[in-house]
Amino acid sequence: MGGKITYAFLATALVVVFAVVALEGVLLLRSGEPAAMGMGAVAFVLPCVGAWFLWHNTRFARDAGRLARELEAEGGLPQDEPERTPGGRVDRASADEVFARRKAEAEAAPDDWRCWFRLAVAYHDARDTPRARRAMQRAIALHDGRPVRNDVR
């Protein structure tokens, strides 16, 4: 629950920053100076890009959570978590072993979102965040019946 509160706080702070930047853009546009007006126009683009990024990340997190809850209800969440060091970090050799099993499982059933979800968790444990995100995006797309991009290796 602490992660959700932190995310909500940071998202709210980001929206406030977007509003301040947009307000500064209005002030720059009203100045009448050509250079300032150009910066004012750009000040409207930055919050739009930031809002798009925030929306996509929020939607991704919401969808991944939805799949996790559904998989937990089915009893299909990964039970073979990699071992951890005394400091709490994931043991690399153990993570590689779990990852190999999960990758073989996903290759054997490429249309099963559950396999891709578990592979995403294995990628995350192996500290390969970009591939973890792509595998989770594939799991979400398979679950929702949307077209799947074939860029996860």
C-alpha atoms as a PDB file:
ATOM      1  CA  MET A   1       0.000   0.000   0.000  1.00  0.00           C
ATOM      2  CA  GLY A   2       2.921   2.339   0.652  1.00  0.00           C
ATOM      3  CA  GLY A   3       3.882   2.190  -3.014  1.00  0.00           C
ATOM      4  CA  LYS A   4       0.434   3.347  -4.078  1.00  0.00           C
ATOM      5  CA  ILE A   5       0.518   6.273  -1.663  1.00  0.00           C
ATOM      6  CA  THR A   6       3.982   7.280  -2.855  1.00  0.00           C
ATOM      7  CA  TYR A   7       2.889   7.010  -6.480  1.00  0.00           C
ATOM      8  CA  ALA A   8      -0.228   9.100  -5.839  1.00  0.00           C
ATOM      9  CA  PHE A   9       1.813  11.747  -4.013  1.00  0.00           C
ATOM     10  CA  LEU A  10       4.423  11.961  -6.769  1.00  0.00           C
ATOM     11  CA  ALA A  11       1.775  12.009  -9.522  1.00  0.00           C
ATOM     12  CA  THR A  12      -0.029  14.830  -7.739  1.00  0.00           C
ATOM     13  CA  ALA A  13       3.220  16.769  -7.357  1.00  0.00           C
ATOM     14  CA  LEU A  14       3.907  16.256 -11.056  1.00  0.00           C
ATOM     15  CA  VAL A  15       0.463  17.580 -11.996  1.00  0.00           C
ATOM     16  CA  VAL A  16       1.121  20.664  -9.849  1.00  0.00           C
ATOM     17  CA  VAL A  17       4.428  21.188 -11.664  1.00  0.00           C
ATOM     18  CA  PHE A  18       2.593  20.844 -15.004  1.00  0.00           C
ATOM     19  CA  ALA A  19       0.143  23.532 -13.888  1.00  0.00           C
ATOM     20  CA  VAL A  20       2.949  25.889 -12.839  1.00  0.00           C
ATOM     21  CA  VAL A  21       4.749  25.402 -16.148  1.00  0.00           C
ATOM     22  CA  ALA A  22       1.531  26.030 -18.079  1.00  0.00           C
ATOM     23  CA  LEU A  23       0.890  29.186 -16.033  1.00  0.00           C
ATOM     24  CA  GLU A  24       4.408  30.408 -16.787  1.00  0.00           C
ATOM     25  CA  GLY A  25       3.678  29.672 -20.444  1.00  0.00           C
ATOM     26  CA  VAL A  26       0.643  31.946 -20.284  1.00  0.00           C
ATOM     27  CA  LEU A  27       2.702  34.710 -18.722  1.00  0.00           C
ATOM     28  CA  LEU A  28       5.405  34.354 -21.373  1.00  0.00           C
ATOM     29  CA  LEU A  29       2.841  34.377 -24.182  1.00  0.00           C
ATOM     30  CA  ARG A  30       1.281  37.570 -22.824  1.00  0.00           C
ATOM     31  CA  SER A  31       4.659  39.343 -22.664  1.00  0.00           C
ATOM     32  CA  GLY A  32       4.596  40.196 -26.381  1.00  0.00           C
ATOM     33  CA  GLU A  33       8.313  39.447 -26.860  1.00  0.00           C
ATOM     34  CA  PRO A  34       8.833  36.999 -29.772  1.00  0.00           C
ATOM     35  CA  ALA A  35      11.434  34.895 -27.934  1.00  0.00           C
ATOM     36  CA  ALA A  36       9.345  34.794 -24.769  1.00  0.00           C
ATOM     37  CA  MET A  37       6.263  33.850 -26.771  1.00  0.00           C
ATOM     38  CA  GLY A  38       8.189  30.951 -28.325  1.00  0.00           C
ATOM     39  CA  MET A  39       9.236  29.735 -24.880  1.00  0.00           C
ATOM     40  CA  GLY A  40       5.640  30.144 -23.731  1.00  0.00           C
ATOM     41  CA  ALA A  41       4.420  27.910 -26.557  1.00  0.00           C
ATOM     42  CA  VAL A  42       6.993  25.269 -25.620  1.00  0.00           C
ATOM     43  CA  ALA A  43       5.851  25.566 -22.006  1.00  0.00           C
ATOM     44  CA  PHE A  44       2.503  24.165 -23.155  1.00  0.00           C
ATOM     45  CA  VAL A  45       4.101  21.234 -24.993  1.00  0.00           C
ATOM     46  CA  LEU A  46       6.100  20.016 -21.994  1.00  0.00           C
ATOM     47  CA  PRO A  47       3.085  19.449 -19.708  1.00  0.00           C
ATOM     48  CA  CYS A  48       1.291  17.653 -22.549  1.00  0.00           C
ATOM     49  CA  VAL A  49       4.207  15.255 -23.027  1.00  0.00           C
ATOM     50  CA  GLY A  50       4.503  14.787 -19.264  1.00  0.00           C
ATOM     51  CA  ALA A  51       0.778  14.151 -18.884  1.00  0.00           C
ATOM     52  CA  TRP A  52       0.899  11.551 -21.681  1.00  0.00           C
ATOM     53  CA  PHE A  53       3.842   9.816 -19.995  1.00  0.00           C
ATOM     54  CA  LEU A  54       2.139   9.897 -16.585  1.00  0.00           C
ATOM     55  CA  TRP A  55      -1.116   8.523 -18.042  1.00  0.00           C
ATOM     56  CA  HIS A  56       0.616   5.623 -19.802  1.00  0.00           C
ATOM     57  CA  ASN A  57       2.617   4.678 -16.721  1.00  0.00           C
ATOM     58  CA  THR A  58      -0.459   4.870 -14.506  1.00  0.00           C
ATOM     59  CA  ARG A  59      -2.464   2.744 -16.934  1.00  0.00           C
ATOM     60  CA  PHE A  60       0.389   0.202 -17.147  1.00  0.00           C
ATOM     61  CA  ALA A  61       0.637  -0.066 -13.356  1.00  0.00           C
ATOM     62  CA  ARG A  62      -3.150  -0.396 -13.014  1.00  0.00           C
ATOM     63  CA  ASP A  63      -3.319  -3.118 -15.688  1.00  0.00           C
ATOM     64  CA  ALA A  64      -0.370  -5.048 -14.222  1.00  0.00           C
ATOM     65  CA  GLY A  65      -2.012  -4.898 -10.793  1.00  0.00           C
ATOM     66  CA  ARG A  66      -5.276  -6.153 -12.261  1.00  0.00           C
ATOM     67  CA  LEU A  67      -3.489  -9.143 -13.802  1.00  0.00           C
ATOM     68  CA  ALA A  68      -1.642  -9.833 -10.542  1.00  0.00           C
ATOM     69  CA  ARG A  69      -4.903  -9.876  -8.590  1.00  0.00           C
ATOM     70  CA  GLU A  70      -6.521 -12.181 -11.138  1.00  0.00           C
ATOM     71  CA  LEU A  71      -3.539 -14.540 -11.151  1.00  0.00           C
ATOM     72  CA  GLU A  72      -3.459 -14.524  -7.350  1.00  0.00           C
ATOM     73  CA  ALA A  73      -7.158 -15.457  -7.250  1.00  0.00           C
ATOM     74  CA  GLU A  74      -6.386 -18.386  -9.569  1.00  0.00           C
ATOM     75  CA  GLY A  75      -3.441 -19.439  -7.393  1.00  0.00           C
ATOM     76  CA  GLY A  76      -1.045 -18.920 -10.287  1.00  0.00           C
ATOM     77  CA  LEU A  77       1.379 -16.373  -8.879  1.00  0.00           C
ATOM     78  CA  PRO A  78       4.986 -17.538  -9.019  1.00  0.00           C
ATOM     79  CA  GLN A  79       5.790 -19.703  -5.998  1.00  0.00           C
ATOM     80  CA  ASP A  80       9.401 -20.387  -6.921  1.00  0.00           C
ATOM     81  CA  GLU A  81      10.838 -17.006  -6.076  1.00  0.00           C
ATOM     82  CA  PRO A  82      14.586 -16.789  -6.333  1.00  0.00           C
ATOM     83  CA  GLU A  83      16.594 -17.026  -3.153  1.00  0.00           C
ATOM     84  CA  ARG A  84      17.716 -13.849  -1.459  1.00  0.00           C
ATOM     85  CA  THR A  85      21.001 -12.856   0.121  1.00  0.00           C
ATOM     86  CA  PRO A  86      21.100 -11.987   3.824  1.00  0.00           C
ATOM     87  CA  GLY A  87      20.886  -8.332   2.762  1.00  0.00           C
ATOM     88  CA  GLY A  88      17.608  -8.981   0.934  1.00  0.00           C
ATOM     89  CA  ARG A  89      18.904  -8.813  -2.637  1.00  0.00           C
ATOM     90  CA  VAL A  90      17.946 -11.457  -5.160  1.00  0.00           C
ATOM     91  CA  ASP A  91      20.635 -14.125  -5.573  1.00  0.00           C
ATOM     92  CA  ARG A  92      21.836 -13.873  -9.174  1.00  0.00           C
ATOM     93  CA  ALA A  93      22.330 -17.622  -9.753  1.00  0.00           C
ATOM     94  CA  SER A  94      18.906 -18.412  -8.307  1.00  0.00           C
ATOM     95  CA  ALA A  95      17.271 -15.674 -10.399  1.00  0.00           C
ATOM     96  CA  ASP A  96      18.913 -17.045 -13.545  1.00  0.00           C
ATOM     97  CA  GLU A  97      17.607 -20.532 -12.751  1.00  0.00           C
ATOM     98  CA  VAL A  98      14.037 -19.290 -12.230  1.00  0.00           C
ATOM     99  CA  PHE A  99      14.332 -17.128 -15.340  1.00  0.00           C
ATOM    100  CA  ALA A 100      15.354 -20.114 -17.500  1.00  0.00           C
ATOM    101  CA  ARG A 101      12.267 -22.040 -16.349  1.00  0.00           C
ATOM    102  CA  ARG A 102       9.952 -19.090 -16.948  1.00  0.00           C
ATOM    103  CA  LYS A 103      11.387 -18.402 -20.399  1.00  0.00           C
ATOM    104  CA  ALA A 104      10.920 -22.041 -21.431  1.00  0.00           C
ATOM    105  CA  GLU A 105       7.352 -21.908 -20.077  1.00  0.00           C
ATOM    106  CA  ALA A 106       6.573 -18.764 -22.125  1.00  0.00           C
ATOM    107  CA  GLU A 107       8.124 -20.245 -25.271  1.00  0.00           C
ATOM    108  CA  ALA A 108       6.029 -23.395 -24.840  1.00  0.00           C
ATOM    109  CA  ALA A 109       2.793 -21.389 -24.462  1.00  0.00           C
ATOM    110  CA  PRO A 110       3.313 -18.090 -26.310  1.00  0.00           C
ATOM    111  CA  ASP A 111      -0.390 -17.157 -26.183  1.00  0.00           C
ATOM    112  CA  ASP A 112      -0.851 -17.629 -22.430  1.00  0.00           C
ATOM    113  CA  TRP A 113      -0.793 -14.304 -20.592  1.00  0.00           C
ATOM    114  CA  ARG A 114      -0.077 -16.096 -17.308  1.00  0.00           C
ATOM    115  CA  CYS A 115       3.251 -17.401 -18.635  1.00  0.00           C
ATOM    116  CA  TRP A 116       4.223 -13.915 -19.837  1.00  0.00           C
ATOM    117  CA  PHE A 117       3.262 -12.407 -16.485  1.00  0.00           C
ATOM    118  CA  ARG A 118       5.495 -14.874 -14.663  1.00  0.00           C
ATOM    119  CA  LEU A 119       8.272 -14.237 -17.205  1.00  0.00           C
ATOM    120  CA  ALA A 120       7.964 -10.498 -16.514  1.00  0.00           C
ATOM    121  CA  VAL A 121       8.426 -11.185 -12.804  1.00  0.00           C
ATOM    122  CA  ALA A 122      11.492 -13.314 -13.593  1.00  0.00           C
ATOM    123  CA  TYR A 123      12.954 -10.541 -15.776  1.00  0.00           C
ATOM    124  CA  HIS A 124      12.358  -8.084 -12.931  1.00  0.00           C
ATOM    125  CA  ASP A 125      14.081 -10.382 -10.442  1.00  0.00           C
ATOM    126  CA  ALA A 126      17.012 -10.684 -12.857  1.00  0.00           C
ATOM    127  CA  ARG A 127      17.146  -6.838 -12.920  1.00  0.00           C
ATOM    128  CA  ASP A 128      16.277  -6.569 -16.611  1.00  0.00           C
ATOM    129  CA  THR A 129      13.641  -3.846 -16.314  1.00  0.00           C
ATOM    130  CA  PRO A 130      13.130  -3.043 -20.032  1.00  0.00           C
ATOM    131  CA  ARG A 131      12.413  -6.678 -20.891  1.00  0.00           C
ATOM    132  CA  ALA A 132      10.282  -7.069 -17.765  1.00  0.00           C
ATOM    133  CA  ARG A 133       8.155  -4.146 -18.922  1.00  0.00           C
ATOM    134  CA  ARG A 134       7.825  -5.512 -22.471  1.00  0.00           C
ATOM    135  CA  ALA A 135       6.894  -8.965 -21.161  1.00  0.00           C
ATOM    136  CA  MET A 136       4.263  -7.414 -18.888  1.00  0.00           C
ATOM    137  CA  GLN A 137       2.916  -5.335 -21.785  1.00  0.00           C
ATOM    138  CA  ARG A 138       2.621  -8.550 -23.794  1.00  0.00           C
ATOM    139  CA  ALA A 139       0.810 -10.260 -20.901  1.00  0.00           C
ATOM    140  CA  ILE A 140      -1.627  -7.344 -20.679  1.00  0.00           C
ATOM    141  CA  ALA A 141      -2.241  -7.371 -24.434  1.00  0.00           C
ATOM    142  CA  LEU A 142      -2.818 -11.142 -24.468  1.00  0.00           C
ATOM    143  CA  HIS A 143      -5.168 -10.899 -21.496  1.00  0.00           C
ATOM    144  CA  ASP A 144      -7.169  -8.069 -23.053  1.00  0.00           C
ATOM    145  CA  GLY A 145      -7.254  -9.634 -26.525  1.00  0.00           C
ATOM    146  CA  ARG A 146      -5.304  -6.806 -28.156  1.00  0.00           C
ATOM    147  CA  PRO A 147      -2.642  -7.221 -30.857  1.00  0.00           C
ATOM    148  CA  VAL A 148       0.725  -8.331 -29.496  1.00  0.00           C
ATOM    149  CA  ARG A 149       4.079  -6.867 -30.438  1.00  0.00           C
ATOM    150  CA  ASN A 150       6.783  -9.482 -30.939  1.00  0.00           C
ATOM    151  CA  ASP A 151       9.739  -7.571 -29.506  1.00  0.00           C
ATOM    152  CA  VAL A 152      10.414  -9.491 -26.280  1.00  0.00           C
ATOM    153  CA  ARG A 153      13.491 -11.663 -26.505  1.00  0.00           C
END
